[in-house]
C-alpha atoms as a PDB file:
ATOM      1  CA  MET A   1     -10.102  25.883   7.091  1.00  0.00           C
ATOM      2  CA  GLU A   2      -8.695  29.219   8.262  1.00  0.00           C
ATOM      3  CA  ILE A   3      -5.229  30.293   6.863  1.00  0.00           C
ATOM      4  CA  LEU A   4      -3.059  32.700   8.688  1.00  0.00           C
ATOM      5  CA  TRP A   5      -0.263  34.429   6.733  1.00  0.00           C
ATOM      6  CA  PHE A   6       2.643  35.891   8.081  1.00  0.00           C
ATOM      7  CA  LYS A   7       5.516  37.969   6.578  1.00  0.00           C
ATOM      8  CA  HIS A   8       8.102  35.927   8.586  1.00  0.00           C
ATOM      9  CA  LEU A   9       8.472  32.927  10.872  1.00  0.00           C
ATOM     10  CA  PRO A  10      11.407  31.043  11.970  1.00  0.00           C
ATOM     11  CA  SER A  11       9.557  27.862  11.417  1.00  0.00           C
ATOM     12  CA  THR A  12       5.915  27.319  10.491  1.00  0.00           C
ATOM     13  CA  HIS A  13       6.085  23.905  11.883  1.00  0.00           C
ATOM     14  CA  LYS A  14       7.455  24.718  15.109  1.00  0.00           C
ATOM     15  CA  HIS A  15       5.248  27.917  15.755  1.00  0.00           C
ATOM     16  CA  LEU A  16       2.085  25.959  15.051  1.00  0.00           C
ATOM     17  CA  ILE A  17       3.167  23.094  17.404  1.00  0.00           C
ATOM     18  CA  GLU A  18       3.615  25.489  19.971  1.00  0.00           C
ATOM     19  CA  SER A  19       0.261  27.380  19.373  1.00  0.00           C
ATOM     20  CA  ILE A  20      -1.421  24.171  19.541  1.00  0.00           C
ATOM     21  CA  LYS A  21       0.288  22.988  22.771  1.00  0.00           C
ATOM     22  CA  ASN A  22      -0.591  26.590  24.454  1.00  0.00           C
ATOM     23  CA  GLY A  23      -3.910  26.743  23.165  1.00  0.00           C
ATOM     24  CA  THR A  24      -3.463  29.842  21.059  1.00  0.00           C
ATOM     25  CA  LEU A  25      -4.587  28.336  17.678  1.00  0.00           C
ATOM     26  CA  THR A  26      -7.085  25.755  17.635  1.00  0.00           C
ATOM     27  CA  PRO A  27      -7.482  23.203  14.456  1.00  0.00           C
ATOM     28  CA  PRO A  28      -8.467  23.148  11.777  1.00  0.00           C
ATOM     29  CA  ILE A  29      -5.817  25.898  11.338  1.00  0.00           C
ATOM     30  CA  ALA A  30      -3.097  26.711   8.652  1.00  0.00           C
ATOM     31  CA  LEU A  31      -0.445  28.886   8.358  1.00  0.00           C
ATOM     32  CA  GLY A  32       2.187  30.227   5.713  1.00  0.00           C
ATOM     33  CA  VAL A  33       4.889  32.586   5.576  1.00  0.00           C
ATOM     34  CA  ASP A  34       6.652  34.742   2.908  1.00  0.00           C
ATOM     35  CA  PHE A  35       9.920  33.556   4.362  1.00  0.00           C
ATOM     36  CA  GLN A  36      10.940  31.257   6.999  1.00  0.00           C
ATOM     37  CA  SER A  37      14.759  31.368   8.533  1.00  0.00           C
ATOM     38  CA  ASP A  38      14.836  28.059  10.543  1.00  0.00           C
ATOM     39  CA  GLY A  39      12.563  25.560   8.999  1.00  0.00           C
ATOM     40  CA  VAL A  40      12.518  22.181  10.108  1.00  0.00           C
ATOM     41  CA  GLY A  41      13.325  19.544   7.070  1.00  0.00           C
ATOM     42  CA  SER A  42      13.514  15.653   7.458  1.00  0.00           C
ATOM     43  CA  ARG A  43      16.099  14.220   9.878  1.00  0.00           C
ATOM     44  CA  GLY A  44      16.061  17.481  11.865  1.00  0.00           C
ATOM     45  CA  ASN A  45      18.123  19.107   9.188  1.00  0.00           C
ATOM     46  CA  SER A  46      17.157  23.077   8.271  1.00  0.00           C
ATOM     47  CA  TRP A  47      14.865  23.822   5.477  1.00  0.00           C
ATOM     48  CA  GLN A  48      15.599  27.049   4.035  1.00  0.00           C
ATOM     49  CA  GLY A  49      15.036  29.039   1.001  1.00  0.00           C
ATOM     50  CA  GLU A  50      14.011  32.598  -0.769  1.00  0.00           C
ATOM     51  CA  GLU A  51      11.295  34.427  -0.588  1.00  0.00           C
ATOM     52  CA  GLY A  52       8.373  33.273  -3.071  1.00  0.00           C
ATOM     53  CA  ASN A  53       8.997  29.335  -2.045  1.00  0.00           C
ATOM     54  CA  LEU A  54       6.061  27.589  -0.191  1.00  0.00           C
ATOM     55  CA  TYR A  55       6.478  27.538   3.344  1.00  0.00           C
ATOM     56  CA  PHE A  56       3.343  25.770   4.930  1.00  0.00           C
ATOM     57  CA  SER A  57       1.807  24.131   7.999  1.00  0.00           C
ATOM     58  CA  PHE A  58      -1.729  22.809   9.001  1.00  0.00           C
ATOM     59  CA  CYS A  59      -3.158  21.020  11.777  1.00  0.00           C
ATOM     60  CA  VAL A  60      -6.140  18.825  11.826  1.00  0.00           C
ATOM     61  CA  GLU A  61      -7.928  16.368  14.344  1.00  0.00           C
ATOM     62  CA  ALA A  62      -6.710  12.913  13.435  1.00  0.00           C
ATOM     63  CA  LYS A  63     -10.402  12.138  12.996  1.00  0.00           C
ATOM     64  CA  GLN A  64     -10.877  14.386  10.214  1.00  0.00           C
ATOM     65  CA  LEU A  65      -8.468  12.189   8.006  1.00  0.00           C
ATOM     66  CA  PRO A  66      -9.821   8.918   6.271  1.00  0.00           C
ATOM     67  CA  GLN A  67     -10.646   6.212   8.756  1.00  0.00           C
ATOM     68  CA  ASP A  68      -8.369   3.675   7.058  1.00  0.00           C
ATOM     69  CA  LEU A  69      -5.223   5.982   7.201  1.00  0.00           C
ATOM     70  CA  LEU A  70      -2.713   4.701   9.768  1.00  0.00           C
ATOM     71  CA  ILE A  71      -0.296   7.108  11.600  1.00  0.00           C
ATOM     72  CA  GLU A  72       2.557   5.713  10.140  1.00  0.00           C
ATOM     73  CA  SER A  73       1.087   6.380   6.643  1.00  0.00           C
ATOM     74  CA  THR A  74       0.389   9.921   7.381  1.00  0.00           C
ATOM     75  CA  SER A  75       3.514  11.714   5.641  1.00  0.00           C
ATOM     76  CA  ILE A  76       2.980  10.025   2.664  1.00  0.00           C
ATOM     77  CA  TYR A  77      -0.867  10.525   2.279  1.00  0.00           C
ATOM     78  CA  ILE A  78       0.025  14.392   3.013  1.00  0.00           C
ATOM     79  CA  ALA A  79       2.556  14.415   0.225  1.00  0.00           C
ATOM     80  CA  TRP A  80       0.310  12.573  -1.919  1.00  0.00           C
ATOM     81  CA  MET A  81      -2.669  15.104  -1.732  1.00  0.00           C
ATOM     82  CA  MET A  82       0.074  17.972  -2.833  1.00  0.00           C
ATOM     83  CA  ARG A  83       1.259  15.591  -5.537  1.00  0.00           C
ATOM     84  CA  GLU A  84      -2.045  15.160  -6.859  1.00  0.00           C
ATOM     85  CA  VAL A  85      -2.724  19.173  -6.907  1.00  0.00           C
ATOM     86  CA  LEU A  86       0.783  19.768  -8.684  1.00  0.00           C
ATOM     87  CA  VAL A  87      -0.056  16.955 -11.341  1.00  0.00           C
ATOM     88  CA  SER A  88      -3.108  18.484 -12.074  1.00  0.00           C
ATOM     89  CA  LEU A  89      -1.415  21.432 -13.100  1.00  0.00           C
ATOM     90  CA  ASN A  90       0.824  19.287 -15.177  1.00  0.00           C
ATOM     91  CA  SER A  91       3.692  19.235 -13.104  1.00  0.00           C
ATOM     92  CA  LYS A  92       6.018  15.976 -13.363  1.00  0.00           C
ATOM     93  CA  ILE A  93       6.543  15.887  -9.498  1.00  0.00           C
ATOM     94  CA  TRP A  94       6.968  12.455  -8.002  1.00  0.00           C
ATOM     95  CA  ILE A  95       7.465  11.346  -4.331  1.00  0.00           C
ATOM     96  CA  LYS A  96      10.557   9.911  -3.550  1.00  0.00           C
ATOM     97  CA  TRP A  97      10.140   7.184  -0.266  1.00  0.00           C
ATOM     98  CA  PRO A  98       9.240   8.560   2.279  1.00  0.00           C
ATOM     99  CA  ASN A  99       8.213  12.303   1.967  1.00  0.00           C
ATOM    100  CA  ASP A 100      10.152  14.049  -0.363  1.00  0.00           C
ATOM    101  CA  PHE A 101       9.094  15.787  -3.868  1.00  0.00           C
ATOM    102  CA  TYR A 102      11.205  15.222  -6.705  1.00  0.00           C
ATOM    103  CA  ILE A 103      11.405  16.510 -10.248  1.00  0.00           C
ATOM    104  CA  ASN A 104      13.333  14.155 -12.268  1.00  0.00           C
ATOM    105  CA  ASP A 105      16.502  13.364  -9.986  1.00  0.00           C
ATOM    106  CA  LYS A 106      16.297  16.638  -8.043  1.00  0.00           C
ATOM    107  CA  LYS A 107      14.524  17.201  -4.840  1.00  0.00           C
ATOM    108  CA  VAL A 108      12.384  20.105  -4.804  1.00  0.00           C
ATOM    109  CA  GLY A 109      10.558  19.795  -1.404  1.00  0.00           C
ATOM    110  CA  GLY A 110       9.307  17.350   1.413  1.00  0.00           C
ATOM    111  CA  VAL A 111       6.922  16.741   3.990  1.00  0.00           C
ATOM    112  CA  ILE A 112       7.319  16.176   7.600  1.00  0.00           C
ATOM    113  CA  THR A 113       4.354  15.210  10.349  1.00  0.00           C
ATOM    114  CA  THR A 114       3.902  15.235  13.789  1.00  0.00           C
ATOM    115  CA  LYS A 115       1.266  14.029  15.985  1.00  0.00           C
ATOM    116  CA  ILE A 116       0.481  15.886  19.335  1.00  0.00           C
ATOM    117  CA  LYS A 117      -2.487  14.081  21.173  1.00  0.00           C
ATOM    118  CA  ASP A 118      -5.569  13.749  19.169  1.00  0.00           C
ATOM    119  CA  PHE A 119      -3.894  16.310  16.475  1.00  0.00           C
ATOM    120  CA  ILE A 120      -1.798  15.831  13.400  1.00  0.00           C
ATOM    121  CA  ILE A 121       0.509  18.740  12.180  1.00  0.00           C
ATOM    122  CA  GLY A 122       1.905  18.517   8.620  1.00  0.00           C
ATOM    123  CA  SER A 123       4.458  20.752   7.072  1.00  0.00           C
ATOM    124  CA  ILE A 124       5.316  21.228   3.398  1.00  0.00           C
ATOM    125  CA  GLY A 125       8.130  22.967   1.936  1.00  0.00           C
ATOM    126  CA  ILE A 126       8.495  23.261  -1.826  1.00  0.00           C
ATOM    127  CA  ASN A 127      10.889  25.417  -4.079  1.00  0.00           C
ATOM    128  CA  LEU A 128       8.591  27.184  -6.093  1.00  0.00           C
ATOM    129  CA  LEU A 129      11.103  29.811  -7.531  1.00  0.00           C
ATOM    130  CA  TYR A 130      14.563  29.490  -5.873  1.00  0.00           C
ATOM    131  CA  ALA A 131      16.795  26.220  -4.751  1.00  0.00           C
ATOM    132  CA  PRO A 132      19.793  25.881  -3.164  1.00  0.00           C
ATOM    133  CA  GLU A 133      22.768  24.172  -5.250  1.00  0.00           C
ATOM    134  CA  GLU A 134      22.054  20.561  -5.989  1.00  0.00           C
ATOM    135  CA  PHE A 135      18.291  20.832  -5.551  1.00  0.00           C
ATOM    136  CA  GLY A 136      15.587  21.730  -7.964  1.00  0.00           C
ATOM    137  CA  VAL A 137      12.907  24.001  -8.511  1.00  0.00           C
ATOM    138  CA  LEU A 138       9.279  23.129  -9.485  1.00  0.00           C
ATOM    139  CA  ASP A 139       8.090  22.607 -12.999  1.00  0.00           C
ATOM    140  CA  VAL A 140       5.065  24.765 -12.857  1.00  0.00           C
ATOM    141  CA  GLN A 141       4.368  28.266 -11.942  1.00  0.00           C
ATOM    142  CA  ILE A 142       2.207  29.060  -9.236  1.00  0.00           C
ATOM    143  CA  THR A 143       2.199  31.378  -5.951  1.00  0.00           C
ATOM    144  CA  PRO A 144       2.047  29.980  -2.458  1.00  0.00           C
ATOM    145  CA  LYS A 145      -1.384  31.096  -1.416  1.00  0.00           C
ATOM    146  CA  PRO A 146      -3.364  29.613  -4.173  1.00  0.00           C
ATOM    147  CA  LEU A 147      -1.271  26.407  -4.039  1.00  0.00           C
ATOM    148  CA  ILE A 148      -2.274  26.093  -0.249  1.00  0.00           C
ATOM    149  CA  GLU A 149      -5.972  26.521  -1.029  1.00  0.00           C
ATOM    150  CA  LEU A 150      -5.708  24.024  -3.696  1.00  0.00           C
ATOM    151  CA  PHE A 151      -4.208  21.533  -1.172  1.00  0.00           C
ATOM    152  CA  ILE A 152      -6.731  22.222   1.625  1.00  0.00           C
ATOM    153  CA  LYS A 153      -9.591  21.195  -1.153  1.00  0.00           C
ATOM    154  CA  GLU A 154      -7.846  18.099  -1.922  1.00  0.00           C
ATOM    155  CA  LEU A 155      -7.247  17.333   1.672  1.00  0.00           C
ATOM    156  CA  LYS A 156     -10.995  17.702   2.161  1.00  0.00           C
ATOM    157  CA  LYS A 157     -11.934  15.115  -0.506  1.00  0.00           C
ATOM    158  CA  ASN A 158     -10.887  12.781   2.510  1.00  0.00           C
ATOM    159  CA  ILE A 159      -9.907  10.129  -0.219  1.00  0.00           C
ATOM    160  CA  SER A 160      -9.115   6.551   1.468  1.00  0.00           C
ATOM    161  CA  TRP A 161      -5.468   5.379   2.092  1.00  0.00           C
ATOM    162  CA  LYS A 162      -6.251   2.385   0.101  1.00  0.00           C
ATOM    163  CA  ASN A 163      -7.216   4.289  -2.814  1.00  0.00           C
ATOM    164  CA  VAL A 164      -3.564   6.676  -2.422  1.00  0.00           C
ATOM    165  CA  PHE A 165      -1.846   3.452  -1.663  1.00  0.00           C
ATOM    166  CA  SER A 166      -2.956   1.875  -4.920  1.00  0.00           C
ATOM    167  CA  LYS A 167      -1.508   4.428  -7.049  1.00  0.00           C
ATOM    168  CA  TYR A 168       1.864   5.318  -4.538  1.00  0.00           C
ATOM    169  CA  LYS A 169       2.874   1.577  -4.692  1.00  0.00           C
ATOM    170  CA  ILE A 170       3.479   2.171  -8.472  1.00  0.00           C
ATOM    171  CA  GLU A 171       5.283   5.322  -8.143  1.00  0.00           C
ATOM    172  CA  PHE A 172       7.444   3.886  -5.348  1.00  0.00           C
ATOM    173  CA  GLN A 173       9.334   1.798  -8.187  1.00  0.00           C
ATOM    174  CA  ASN A 174      11.038   5.224  -8.815  1.00  0.00           C
ATOM    175  CA  SER A 175      12.584   5.339  -5.226  1.00  0.00           C
ATOM    176  CA  LEU A 176      14.389   1.973  -6.208  1.00  0.00           C
ATOM    177  CA  GLN A 177      17.048   4.098  -8.010  1.00  0.00           C
ATOM    178  CA  PHE A 178      17.744   6.184  -5.016  1.00  0.00           C
ATOM    179  CA  SER A 179      19.242   6.050  -1.433  1.00  0.00           C
ATOM    180  CA  SER A 180      17.589   7.058   1.880  1.00  0.00           C
ATOM    181  CA  HIS A 181      19.216   7.967   5.196  1.00  0.00           C
ATOM    182  CA  ILE A 182      18.240   5.158   7.576  1.00  0.00           C
ATOM    183  CA  ASP A 183      19.385   5.183  11.273  1.00  0.00           C
ATOM    184  CA  GLY A 184      22.153   7.633  10.147  1.00  0.00           C
ATOM    185  CA  GLN A 185      23.518   5.925   7.282  1.00  0.00           C
ATOM    186  CA  LYS A 186      22.675   6.260   3.387  1.00  0.00           C
ATOM    187  CA  ILE A 187      21.092   3.108   2.418  1.00  0.00           C
ATOM    188  CA  SER A 188      20.258   1.963  -1.049  1.00  0.00           C
ATOM    189  CA  LEU A 189      16.470   1.483  -1.612  1.00  0.00           C
ATOM    190  CA  GLN A 190      17.302  -0.974  -4.644  1.00  0.00           C
ATOM    191  CA  ASN A 191      15.872  -4.168  -2.923  1.00  0.00           C
ATOM    192  CA  ALA A 192      13.261  -2.223  -0.756  1.00  0.00           C
ATOM    193  CA  LYS A 193       9.886  -3.863  -0.224  1.00  0.00           C
ATOM    194  CA  LEU A 194       7.008  -1.308   0.216  1.00  0.00           C
ATOM    195  CA  LEU A 195       4.559  -2.444   2.858  1.00  0.00           C
ATOM    196  CA  TYR A 196       0.776  -1.381   3.243  1.00  0.00           C
ATOM    197  CA  ASP A 197       1.405   1.257   5.824  1.00  0.00           C
ATOM    198  CA  GLY A 198       3.905   2.799   3.913  1.00  0.00           C
ATOM    199  CA  SER A 199       6.889   1.310   5.864  1.00  0.00           C
ATOM    200  CA  ILE A 200       9.289  -0.358   3.768  1.00  0.00           C
ATOM    201  CA  GLU A 201      11.611  -3.733   4.505  1.00  0.00           C
ATOM    202  CA  VAL A 202      15.107  -3.047   3.578  1.00  0.00           C
ATOM    203  CA  GLU A 203      18.484  -4.867   4.527  1.00  0.00           C
ATOM    204  CA  ASN A 204      16.207  -7.128   7.074  1.00  0.00           C
ATOM    205  CA  LYS A 205      14.945  -4.011   8.865  1.00  0.00           C
ATOM    206  CA  ARG A 206      11.543  -2.385   8.688  1.00  0.00           C
ATOM    207  CA  VAL A 207      11.732   1.186   8.686  1.00  0.00           C
ATOM    208  CA  TYR A 208       8.559   3.641   8.902  1.00  0.00           C
ATOM    209  CA  SER A 209       7.866   6.855   6.722  1.00  0.00           C
ATOM    210  CA  LEU A 210       6.459   9.177   9.422  1.00  0.00           C
ATOM    211  CA  ARG A 211       9.002  11.862  10.365  1.00  0.00           C
END
């Protein structure tokens, strides 16, 4: 997968979506930046940070991902691939449902996913060096470009969703101590039940992980 690098973009996610739509870029493709000024976070929030953090988006055809991976599970799957890379570097990172990276009780990054026709666009932001107040910083030292290369290598292993889910459902227990924003409200996950497609049942609602 080719990796394009920019000094600055407002948002790697938005740039890649537009480039795929207008045909100026063809998957598989990835792009990263030294700094982005208007990144897209979960629930449409802005994800910003300092130069030296990870701002990265990639696009692949859906058929390049595991055959048993449902679209609803994609954000968790992508997050797990990055988690595996970082854990191999001795990080204690974990995934808070549905798509946030945590070190202990501090958020250090997250994943968003968009489907356009037969393409999946995934974006990952992680605080490698700097974090706003109330957020955390990754607990191992690595620069963005090598981390992206390791992630792409992990993604290419095409590990099945069944395999990922069997491990993720154990780690999901950590999420029960936290809350998540659901339908504009902050809802406790204490009694949430994780389903096989990555969705949860909480307060008599089924909530999907794809964002």
